[in-house]
Amino acid sequence: MLLSFNIIGLAGLGKDFGGVATWEKHPAIAATHEHMRMLSIFSHVLWLLSMLSAILVATAGYEPLSRFCVDRVRETQARWISKMARRTVRRRTEPST
């Protein structure tokens, strides 16, 4: 699990989460494991899962994992936007041949 999380982080987000180096579970992995049992139970009753997700107290445990995912996506978006802006500036400043 630690290796796959690092590979996904490197490939998708360009960030190494260091799980293999430290042998410690990242909080996102811990949150995922914590909620797998609930999802396996409620996935058979989809309407109940949907109803529980509408109740903020019932989904409070997902908040750290959700925040982690949103933060990583925003970091990646900012990095890509910055990279594309640098490319655009470079193209505009290069002499035409």
N, C-alpha and C. Protein backbone atom coordinates (compact mmCIF):
# COMPACT_ATOMS: atom_id res chain seq x y z
N MET A 1 0.82 -1.19 0.00
CA MET A 1 0.00 0.00 0.00
C MET A 1 0.87 1.26 0.00
N LEU A 2 1.94 1.24 0.76
CA LEU A 2 2.82 2.41 0.83
C LEU A 2 3.48 2.68 -0.52
N LEU A 3 3.93 1.63 -1.17
CA LEU A 3 4.59 1.78 -2.47
C LEU A 3 3.60 2.29 -3.51
N SER A 4 2.41 1.71 -3.54
CA SER A 4 1.43 2.14 -4.54
C SER A 4 1.01 3.59 -4.30
N PHE A 5 0.90 4.00 -3.06
CA PHE A 5 0.55 5.38 -2.76
C PHE A 5 1.65 6.33 -3.24
N ASN A 6 2.90 5.94 -3.03
CA ASN A 6 4.02 6.76 -3.52
C ASN A 6 4.03 6.84 -5.04
N ILE A 7 3.78 5.71 -5.70
CA ILE A 7 3.77 5.70 -7.17
C ILE A 7 2.64 6.57 -7.70
N ILE A 8 1.47 6.45 -7.11
CA ILE A 8 0.34 7.28 -7.53
C ILE A 8 0.66 8.75 -7.30
N GLY A 9 1.26 9.06 -6.17
CA GLY A 9 1.63 10.45 -5.87
C GLY A 9 2.63 10.99 -6.87
N LEU A 10 3.63 10.19 -7.20
CA LEU A 10 4.65 10.63 -8.16
C LEU A 10 4.08 10.77 -9.57
N ALA A 11 3.30 9.79 -9.99
CA ALA A 11 2.77 9.80 -11.36
C ALA A 11 1.67 10.83 -11.54
N GLY A 12 0.78 10.91 -10.59
CA GLY A 12 -0.38 11.80 -10.75
C GLY A 12 -0.19 13.20 -10.24
N LEU A 13 0.59 13.34 -9.18
CA LEU A 13 0.72 14.65 -8.55
C LEU A 13 2.14 15.20 -8.56
N GLY A 14 3.09 14.37 -8.97
CA GLY A 14 4.47 14.82 -8.97
C GLY A 14 5.04 15.01 -7.58
N LYS A 15 4.52 14.24 -6.62
CA LYS A 15 4.95 14.40 -5.23
C LYS A 15 5.16 13.03 -4.60
N ASP A 16 6.30 12.84 -3.97
CA ASP A 16 6.59 11.60 -3.25
C ASP A 16 6.13 11.76 -1.82
N PHE A 17 5.31 10.84 -1.35
CA PHE A 17 4.77 10.95 0.01
C PHE A 17 5.65 10.28 1.05
N GLY A 18 6.73 9.66 0.64
CA GLY A 18 7.73 9.14 1.56
C GLY A 18 7.30 7.95 2.40
N GLY A 19 6.27 7.24 2.00
CA GLY A 19 5.80 6.11 2.79
C GLY A 19 6.77 4.96 2.84
N VAL A 20 7.44 4.68 1.73
CA VAL A 20 8.38 3.58 1.69
C VAL A 20 9.62 3.92 2.51
N ALA A 21 10.05 5.16 2.45
CA ALA A 21 11.26 5.58 3.18
C ALA A 21 11.04 5.55 4.69
N THR A 22 9.86 5.96 5.14
CA THR A 22 9.61 6.05 6.58
C THR A 22 8.84 4.86 7.14
N TRP A 23 8.20 4.08 6.28
CA TRP A 23 7.34 2.95 6.68
C TRP A 23 6.22 3.39 7.62
N GLU A 24 5.74 4.60 7.41
CA GLU A 24 4.61 5.11 8.19
C GLU A 24 3.44 5.36 7.25
N LYS A 25 2.25 5.04 7.73
CA LYS A 25 1.06 5.29 6.93
C LYS A 25 0.81 6.79 6.84
N HIS A 26 0.56 7.24 5.64
CA HIS A 26 0.16 8.63 5.43
C HIS A 26 -1.26 8.77 5.98
N PRO A 27 -1.64 9.94 6.52
CA PRO A 27 -3.01 10.11 7.03
C PRO A 27 -4.09 9.78 6.01
N ALA A 28 -3.82 9.99 4.73
CA ALA A 28 -4.82 9.65 3.71
C ALA A 28 -5.03 8.14 3.62
N ILE A 29 -3.96 7.37 3.78
CA ILE A 29 -4.09 5.91 3.77
C ILE A 29 -4.86 5.44 5.00
N ALA A 30 -4.54 6.01 6.15
CA ALA A 30 -5.24 5.64 7.38
C ALA A 30 -6.73 5.96 7.26
N ALA A 31 -7.08 7.11 6.70
CA ALA A 31 -8.49 7.48 6.54
C ALA A 31 -9.19 6.55 5.57
N THR A 32 -8.50 6.15 4.51
CA THR A 32 -9.09 5.22 3.54
C THR A 32 -9.37 3.87 4.19
N HIS A 33 -8.41 3.34 4.93
CA HIS A 33 -8.62 2.07 5.61
C HIS A 33 -9.75 2.15 6.63
N GLU A 34 -9.83 3.27 7.30
CA GLU A 34 -10.86 3.45 8.33
C GLU A 34 -12.26 3.39 7.72
N HIS A 35 -12.40 3.87 6.49
CA HIS A 35 -13.73 3.96 5.90
C HIS A 35 -14.07 2.84 4.93
N MET A 36 -13.14 1.94 4.69
CA MET A 36 -13.41 0.84 3.76
C MET A 36 -14.51 -0.09 4.27
N ARG A 37 -14.50 -0.35 5.54
CA ARG A 37 -15.51 -1.24 6.11
C ARG A 37 -16.91 -0.64 5.96
N MET A 38 -17.03 0.66 6.26
CA MET A 38 -18.33 1.32 6.14
C MET A 38 -18.82 1.31 4.69
N LEU A 39 -17.91 1.58 3.78
CA LEU A 39 -18.29 1.60 2.37
C LEU A 39 -18.71 0.22 1.89
N SER A 40 -18.04 -0.82 2.38
CA SER A 40 -18.42 -2.17 1.95
C SER A 40 -19.81 -2.53 2.44
N ILE A 41 -20.19 -2.03 3.59
CA ILE A 41 -21.53 -2.31 4.12
C ILE A 41 -22.59 -1.49 3.40
N PHE A 42 -22.34 -0.18 3.30
CA PHE A 42 -23.36 0.71 2.75
C PHE A 42 -23.40 0.73 1.23
N SER A 43 -22.42 0.19 0.56
CA SER A 43 -22.45 0.20 -0.90
C SER A 43 -23.57 -0.68 -1.45
N HIS A 44 -24.07 -1.61 -0.65
CA HIS A 44 -25.17 -2.47 -1.07
C HIS A 44 -26.51 -1.76 -0.97
N VAL A 45 -26.54 -0.72 -0.16
CA VAL A 45 -27.76 0.07 0.01
C VAL A 45 -27.41 1.50 -0.39
N LEU A 46 -27.37 1.74 -1.70
CA LEU A 46 -26.87 3.01 -2.22
C LEU A 46 -27.65 4.21 -1.72
N TRP A 47 -28.96 4.08 -1.57
CA TRP A 47 -29.75 5.21 -1.12
C TRP A 47 -29.37 5.60 0.30
N LEU A 48 -29.02 4.60 1.13
CA LEU A 48 -28.63 4.90 2.50
C LEU A 48 -27.27 5.60 2.54
N LEU A 49 -26.36 5.17 1.69
CA LEU A 49 -25.05 5.82 1.61
C LEU A 49 -25.21 7.27 1.16
N SER A 50 -26.08 7.49 0.19
CA SER A 50 -26.34 8.84 -0.28
C SER A 50 -26.96 9.70 0.82
N MET A 51 -27.89 9.12 1.56
CA MET A 51 -28.55 9.86 2.64
C MET A 51 -27.54 10.20 3.75
N LEU A 52 -26.70 9.25 4.11
CA LEU A 52 -25.71 9.50 5.16
C LEU A 52 -24.69 10.55 4.73
N SER A 53 -24.35 10.57 3.45
CA SER A 53 -23.37 11.55 2.99
C SER A 53 -23.94 12.96 3.03
N ALA A 54 -25.26 13.09 3.04
CA ALA A 54 -25.89 14.41 3.13
C ALA A 54 -25.88 14.93 4.57
N ILE A 55 -25.68 14.04 5.52
CA ILE A 55 -25.63 14.44 6.93
C ILE A 55 -24.17 14.72 7.28
N LEU A 56 -23.86 15.95 7.63
CA LEU A 56 -22.47 16.33 7.87
C LEU A 56 -21.82 15.55 8.99
N VAL A 57 -22.55 15.25 10.05
CA VAL A 57 -21.98 14.53 11.18
C VAL A 57 -21.58 13.11 10.77
N ALA A 58 -22.36 12.50 9.91
CA ALA A 58 -22.08 11.12 9.49
C ALA A 58 -20.83 11.03 8.62
N THR A 59 -20.48 12.11 7.95
CA THR A 59 -19.32 12.08 7.06
C THR A 59 -18.15 12.90 7.59
N ALA A 60 -18.16 13.22 8.86
CA ALA A 60 -17.08 14.03 9.43
C ALA A 60 -15.72 13.34 9.30
N GLY A 61 -15.69 12.03 9.32
CA GLY A 61 -14.44 11.29 9.20
C GLY A 61 -13.81 11.40 7.82
N TYR A 62 -14.61 11.70 6.81
CA TYR A 62 -14.09 11.84 5.46
C TYR A 62 -13.42 13.19 5.23
N GLU A 63 -13.68 14.14 6.10
CA GLU A 63 -13.19 15.50 5.89
C GLU A 63 -11.67 15.58 5.75
N PRO A 64 -10.88 14.92 6.62
CA PRO A 64 -9.42 15.00 6.43
C PRO A 64 -8.96 14.42 5.09
N LEU A 65 -9.53 13.30 4.67
CA LEU A 65 -9.16 12.70 3.39
C LEU A 65 -9.60 13.60 2.24
N SER A 66 -10.79 14.13 2.31
CA SER A 66 -11.28 15.03 1.29
C SER A 66 -10.42 16.28 1.19
N ARG A 67 -10.07 16.85 2.34
CA ARG A 67 -9.22 18.05 2.36
C ARG A 67 -7.85 17.74 1.75
N PHE A 68 -7.29 16.58 2.09
CA PHE A 68 -6.01 16.17 1.54
C PHE A 68 -6.08 16.10 0.02
N CYS A 69 -7.11 15.46 -0.50
CA CYS A 69 -7.25 15.30 -1.96
C CYS A 69 -7.41 16.66 -2.64
N VAL A 70 -8.25 17.50 -2.09
CA VAL A 70 -8.47 18.83 -2.69
C VAL A 70 -7.18 19.64 -2.67
N ASP A 71 -6.45 19.59 -1.57
CA ASP A 71 -5.18 20.33 -1.47
C ASP A 71 -4.17 19.85 -2.50
N ARG A 72 -4.06 18.51 -2.68
CA ARG A 72 -3.10 17.99 -3.66
C ARG A 72 -3.49 18.41 -5.08
N VAL A 73 -4.78 18.37 -5.41
CA VAL A 73 -5.23 18.77 -6.74
C VAL A 73 -4.94 20.25 -6.96
N ARG A 74 -5.20 21.07 -5.96
CA ARG A 74 -4.92 22.51 -6.11
C ARG A 74 -3.42 22.78 -6.28
N GLU A 75 -2.58 22.07 -5.53
CA GLU A 75 -1.13 22.22 -5.68
C GLU A 75 -0.70 21.85 -7.10
N THR A 76 -1.24 20.76 -7.61
CA THR A 76 -0.89 20.31 -8.95
C THR A 76 -1.37 21.29 -10.00
N GLN A 77 -2.59 21.80 -9.83
CA GLN A 77 -3.10 22.79 -10.77
C GLN A 77 -2.23 24.04 -10.77
N ALA A 78 -1.85 24.51 -9.60
CA ALA A 78 -1.02 25.71 -9.51
C ALA A 78 0.33 25.48 -10.18
N ARG A 79 0.90 24.30 -9.96
CA ARG A 79 2.19 23.99 -10.58
C ARG A 79 2.07 23.95 -12.11
N TRP A 80 1.00 23.35 -12.62
CA TRP A 80 0.81 23.29 -14.08
C TRP A 80 0.56 24.66 -14.66
N ILE A 81 -0.25 25.47 -13.98
CA ILE A 81 -0.53 26.82 -14.48
C ILE A 81 0.76 27.63 -14.53
N SER A 82 1.57 27.52 -13.48
CA SER A 82 2.84 28.23 -13.45
C SER A 82 3.76 27.75 -14.58
N LYS A 83 3.79 26.46 -14.79
CA LYS A 83 4.64 25.88 -15.83
C LYS A 83 4.18 26.36 -17.21
N MET A 84 2.88 26.37 -17.45
CA MET A 84 2.36 26.81 -18.74
C MET A 84 2.60 28.31 -18.94
N ALA A 85 2.51 29.09 -17.89
CA ALA A 85 2.77 30.53 -18.00
C ALA A 85 4.23 30.78 -18.37
N ARG A 86 5.15 30.03 -17.76
CA ARG A 86 6.57 30.18 -18.10
C ARG A 86 6.82 29.82 -19.56
N ARG A 87 6.16 28.78 -20.05
CA ARG A 87 6.33 28.38 -21.46
C ARG A 87 5.82 29.48 -22.39
N THR A 88 4.69 30.07 -22.03
CA THR A 88 4.11 31.12 -22.86
C THR A 88 5.04 32.33 -22.90
N VAL A 89 5.57 32.73 -21.76
CA VAL A 89 6.49 33.86 -21.70
C VAL A 89 7.74 33.57 -22.52
N ARG A 90 8.26 32.37 -22.37
CA ARG A 90 9.46 31.98 -23.11
C ARG A 90 9.23 32.04 -24.62
N ARG A 91 8.08 31.56 -25.06
CA ARG A 91 7.76 31.58 -26.50
C ARG A 91 7.65 33.02 -27.02
N ARG A 92 7.09 33.89 -26.22
CA ARG A 92 6.92 35.29 -26.64
C ARG A 92 8.23 36.04 -26.68
N THR A 93 9.17 35.65 -25.82
CA THR A 93 10.43 36.37 -25.76
C THR A 93 11.51 35.80 -26.68
N GLU A 94 11.27 34.60 -27.22
CA GLU A 94 12.26 34.01 -28.14
C GLU A 94 12.20 34.74 -29.49
N PRO A 95 13.34 34.99 -30.07
CA PRO A 95 13.34 35.66 -31.38
C PRO A 95 12.75 34.77 -32.47
N SER A 96 12.03 35.36 -33.36
CA SER A 96 11.43 34.63 -34.48
C SER A 96 12.50 34.38 -35.54
N THR A 97 12.43 33.23 -36.17
CA THR A 97 13.40 32.92 -37.21
C THR A 97 12.79 32.98 -38.57
